[in-house]
């Protein structure tokens, strides 16, 4: 088994990203770098490196003389990110389904089981595990550029997953759609799973648009 060693900056990056996605940083207040560095027991240099990477990933905004802020959830970003996912992810999933090994299929099943468990026991992990499941359906394609782009888009989407699941019943629907995708994907039915993935992403986009419109009207 390969041992993955993370640099200090990478560890900080992962910790801070999880806090952003779980909503632990207020959107309208600059991240207090001195306090955060002290809390994590690190210097400000690797922390700044991690914050700069998070800005590149679309999770933070930097303002001159003010510092880093969490990027607010917004309808324009939803349209852009989910439109890009619709162009890339379904085809990538369809291709991966035809190349998946038994080990890949087990990994996808385990990823969905972990997501379903988190939906019951720890909703703060749902966004991250939703991304892990989606990526498990893409990685067997072995198209590294596509995989990196899809993962970047899914990282940005993570915070919207929690928003999308706020209305009652959405979690059950997501589970049903994920289960249907996994069954088709595991059977190597590329065209069919691509179509289901497209509908899954498109319906999520439609739901989020309506939520933002309702909030704006309200």
Protein backbone atom coordinates (compact mmCIF):
# COMPACT_ATOMS: atom_id res chain seq x y z
CA UNK A 1 0.00 0.00 0.00
CA UNK A 2 1.34 3.43 -0.96
CA UNK A 3 1.80 5.91 1.87
CA UNK A 4 0.58 9.41 1.02
CA UNK A 5 2.51 12.08 2.89
CA UNK A 6 0.90 15.52 2.95
CA UNK A 7 2.94 18.68 3.34
CA UNK A 8 1.99 21.04 6.14
CA UNK A 9 0.40 23.39 3.61
CA UNK A 10 -1.68 20.53 2.19
CA UNK A 11 -2.87 19.53 5.66
CA UNK A 12 -3.86 23.11 6.43
CA UNK A 13 -5.53 23.35 3.02
CA UNK A 14 -7.69 20.29 3.77
CA UNK A 15 -8.63 21.48 7.26
CA UNK A 16 -9.59 24.98 6.19
CA UNK A 17 -11.45 23.75 3.10
CA UNK A 18 -13.57 21.46 5.28
CA UNK A 19 -14.41 24.39 7.56
CA UNK A 20 -15.40 26.57 4.61
CA UNK A 21 -17.65 23.89 3.13
CA UNK A 22 -19.30 23.14 6.49
CA UNK A 23 -20.08 26.85 6.94
CA UNK A 24 -17.88 27.46 9.98
CA UNK A 25 -16.50 30.74 8.60
CA UNK A 26 -18.95 33.65 8.22
CA UNK A 27 -19.11 35.00 4.67
CA UNK A 28 -18.94 38.70 5.54
CA UNK A 29 -16.00 38.59 7.99
CA UNK A 30 -12.34 38.29 7.00
CA UNK A 31 -10.63 35.11 8.14
CA UNK A 32 -8.52 36.00 11.17
CA UNK A 33 -5.19 34.57 10.05
CA UNK A 34 -3.36 35.19 13.35
CA UNK A 35 -6.05 33.43 15.37
CA UNK A 36 -6.40 30.58 12.88
CA UNK A 37 -2.65 30.02 12.71
CA UNK A 38 -2.47 29.93 16.51
CA UNK A 39 -5.41 27.52 16.71
CA UNK A 40 -3.81 25.17 14.18
CA UNK A 41 -0.37 25.54 15.75
CA UNK A 42 1.31 26.69 12.55
CA UNK A 43 3.04 29.80 11.23
CA UNK A 44 1.27 32.21 8.92
CA UNK A 45 3.40 31.28 5.89
CA UNK A 46 1.92 27.81 5.21
CA UNK A 47 -1.50 29.16 6.18
CA UNK A 48 -1.25 31.90 3.54
CA UNK A 49 -0.17 29.28 0.98
CA UNK A 50 -3.26 27.22 1.80
CA UNK A 51 -5.55 30.26 1.64
CA UNK A 52 -4.11 31.23 -1.76
CA UNK A 53 -4.85 27.72 -3.07
CA UNK A 54 -8.39 27.93 -1.72
CA UNK A 55 -8.82 31.19 -3.60
CA UNK A 56 -7.67 29.44 -6.78
CA UNK A 57 -10.23 26.72 -6.12
CA UNK A 58 -12.99 29.31 -5.96
CA UNK A 59 -13.76 29.01 -2.26
CA UNK A 60 -12.19 32.26 -1.07
CA UNK A 61 -11.86 35.85 -2.25
CA UNK A 62 -8.95 38.12 -1.34
CA UNK A 63 -9.39 41.86 -0.87
CA UNK A 64 -6.46 44.27 -0.70
CA UNK A 65 -5.67 45.33 2.87
CA UNK A 66 -8.61 43.28 4.18
CA UNK A 67 -7.57 39.65 3.75
CA UNK A 68 -9.43 36.52 2.70
CA UNK A 69 -13.21 36.10 2.73
CA UNK A 70 -15.38 33.07 2.02
CA UNK A 71 -16.89 33.43 -1.44
CA UNK A 72 -20.68 33.85 -1.02
CA UNK A 73 -23.00 31.27 -2.54
CA UNK A 74 -24.62 32.85 -5.57
CA UNK A 75 -26.86 32.01 -8.50
CA UNK A 76 -24.35 33.08 -11.17
CA UNK A 77 -21.74 30.66 -9.87
CA UNK A 78 -24.33 27.86 -9.74
CA UNK A 79 -25.20 28.45 -13.40
CA UNK A 80 -21.56 28.47 -14.48
CA UNK A 81 -20.33 25.50 -12.44
CA UNK A 82 -23.27 23.20 -13.09
CA UNK A 83 -23.36 24.10 -16.80
CA UNK A 84 -19.71 23.06 -17.06
CA UNK A 85 -20.42 19.85 -15.19
CA UNK A 86 -23.23 19.07 -17.64
CA UNK A 87 -20.80 19.43 -20.55
CA UNK A 88 -18.07 17.21 -19.09
CA UNK A 89 -19.18 14.90 -16.29
CA UNK A 90 -21.86 12.71 -17.96
CA UNK A 91 -19.58 11.75 -20.85
CA UNK A 92 -16.68 11.08 -18.45
CA UNK A 93 -18.86 8.83 -16.29
CA UNK A 94 -20.12 6.97 -19.33
CA UNK A 95 -16.57 6.29 -20.53
CA UNK A 96 -15.39 5.28 -17.06
CA UNK A 97 -18.21 2.75 -16.72
CA UNK A 98 -16.82 0.84 -19.70
CA UNK A 99 -13.29 0.81 -18.29
CA UNK A 100 -14.05 0.10 -14.61
CA UNK A 101 -12.50 -2.93 -12.93
CA UNK A 102 -13.99 -5.00 -10.11
CA UNK A 103 -11.88 -2.92 -7.70
CA UNK A 104 -13.29 0.30 -9.20
CA UNK A 105 -16.85 -0.99 -8.82
CA UNK A 106 -16.22 -1.91 -5.18
CA UNK A 107 -14.72 1.54 -4.53
CA UNK A 108 -17.80 3.20 -6.02
CA UNK A 109 -20.12 1.03 -3.92
CA UNK A 110 -18.13 1.84 -0.77
CA UNK A 111 -18.24 5.55 -1.63
CA UNK A 112 -22.02 5.48 -1.96
CA UNK A 113 -22.40 3.52 1.28
CA UNK A 114 -20.28 6.12 3.09
CA UNK A 115 -22.39 8.93 1.62
CA UNK A 116 -25.65 7.26 2.63
CA UNK A 117 -24.34 6.71 6.18
CA UNK A 118 -23.25 10.35 6.51
CA UNK A 119 -26.70 11.50 5.37
CA UNK A 120 -28.02 9.81 8.52
CA UNK A 121 -25.28 10.38 11.07
CA UNK A 122 -23.20 13.43 10.05
CA UNK A 123 -24.64 15.83 7.49
CA UNK A 124 -21.53 18.04 7.66
CA UNK A 125 -19.71 15.33 5.68
CA UNK A 126 -22.34 14.94 2.96
CA UNK A 127 -20.80 17.47 0.56
CA UNK A 128 -17.35 15.89 0.74
CA UNK A 129 -18.66 12.34 0.42
CA UNK A 130 -21.01 13.31 -2.40
CA UNK A 131 -17.92 14.56 -4.26
CA UNK A 132 -16.08 11.32 -3.44
CA UNK A 133 -18.91 9.25 -4.92
CA UNK A 134 -19.12 11.33 -8.09
CA UNK A 135 -15.35 11.12 -8.54
CA UNK A 136 -15.39 7.35 -8.04
CA UNK A 137 -17.54 7.18 -11.17
CA UNK A 138 -15.09 9.31 -13.18
CA UNK A 139 -11.59 8.15 -12.18
CA UNK A 140 -11.60 4.81 -14.04
CA UNK A 141 -11.67 6.80 -17.30
CA UNK A 142 -7.95 7.47 -16.70
CA UNK A 143 -8.27 10.83 -18.49
CA UNK A 144 -6.25 12.87 -16.04
CA UNK A 145 -7.09 16.36 -17.35
CA UNK A 146 -10.81 15.53 -17.38
CA UNK A 147 -10.58 14.03 -13.90
CA UNK A 148 -8.87 17.15 -12.54
CA UNK A 149 -11.42 19.49 -14.12
CA UNK A 150 -14.40 17.45 -12.90
CA UNK A 151 -12.95 17.31 -9.39
CA UNK A 152 -12.36 21.07 -9.34
CA UNK A 153 -15.97 21.65 -10.35
CA UNK A 154 -17.19 19.19 -7.72
CA UNK A 155 -15.12 20.92 -5.04
CA UNK A 156 -16.83 24.23 -5.86
CA UNK A 157 -20.19 22.40 -5.91
CA UNK A 158 -19.73 20.96 -2.42
CA UNK A 159 -21.15 23.97 -0.59
CA UNK A 160 -24.18 23.96 -2.87
CA UNK A 161 -24.92 20.32 -2.04
CA UNK A 162 -25.89 21.28 1.51
CA UNK A 163 -28.10 24.11 0.23
CA UNK A 164 -29.75 21.81 -2.29
CA UNK A 165 -30.59 19.24 0.40
CA UNK A 166 -32.27 21.78 2.72
CA UNK A 167 -35.86 21.10 1.50
CA UNK A 168 -37.43 17.90 2.84
CA UNK A 169 -37.31 14.90 0.56
CA UNK A 170 -34.30 15.97 -1.46
CA UNK A 171 -32.02 13.51 0.33
CA UNK A 172 -34.25 10.56 -0.54
CA UNK A 173 -34.36 11.61 -4.19
CA UNK A 174 -30.59 12.00 -4.32
CA UNK A 175 -30.15 8.52 -2.85
CA UNK A 176 -32.47 7.00 -5.46
CA UNK A 177 -30.68 8.78 -8.31
CA UNK A 178 -27.24 7.80 -7.02
CA UNK A 179 -28.31 4.17 -6.63
CA UNK A 180 -29.69 4.07 -10.18
CA UNK A 181 -26.47 5.58 -11.52
CA UNK A 182 -24.30 3.08 -9.68
CA UNK A 183 -26.32 0.13 -10.98
CA UNK A 184 -26.02 1.27 -14.61
CA UNK A 185 -22.38 2.27 -14.19
CA UNK A 186 -21.45 -1.07 -12.63
CA UNK A 187 -23.12 -2.86 -15.55
CA UNK A 188 -20.99 -0.90 -18.02
CA UNK A 189 -24.02 0.81 -19.57
CA UNK A 190 -22.18 3.96 -20.58
CA UNK A 191 -24.83 5.76 -22.62
CA UNK A 192 -27.55 5.08 -20.06
CA UNK A 193 -25.56 6.14 -17.02
CA UNK A 194 -24.41 9.28 -18.87
CA UNK A 195 -28.05 10.19 -19.52
CA UNK A 196 -29.01 9.60 -15.87
CA UNK A 197 -26.03 11.63 -14.66
CA UNK A 198 -27.01 14.48 -16.99
CA UNK A 199 -30.56 14.49 -15.60
CA UNK A 200 -29.22 14.31 -12.03
CA UNK A 201 -27.00 17.38 -12.47
CA UNK A 202 -29.63 19.27 -14.50
CA UNK A 203 -32.37 18.72 -11.91
CA UNK A 204 -30.03 19.87 -9.13
CA UNK A 205 -29.26 23.03 -11.11
CA UNK A 206 -32.97 23.67 -11.67
CA UNK A 207 -33.70 23.21 -7.95
CA UNK A 208 -30.90 25.58 -6.93
CA UNK A 209 -32.02 28.23 -9.41
CA UNK A 210 -35.53 28.12 -7.91
CA UNK A 211 -34.11 28.35 -4.37
CA UNK A 212 -32.07 31.44 -5.21
CA UNK A 213 -35.04 33.01 -7.03
CA UNK A 214 -37.27 32.38 -4.02
CA UNK A 215 -34.73 33.92 -1.67
CA UNK A 216 -34.37 36.96 -3.89
CA UNK A 217 -38.14 37.40 -4.10
CA UNK A 218 -38.57 36.86 -0.37
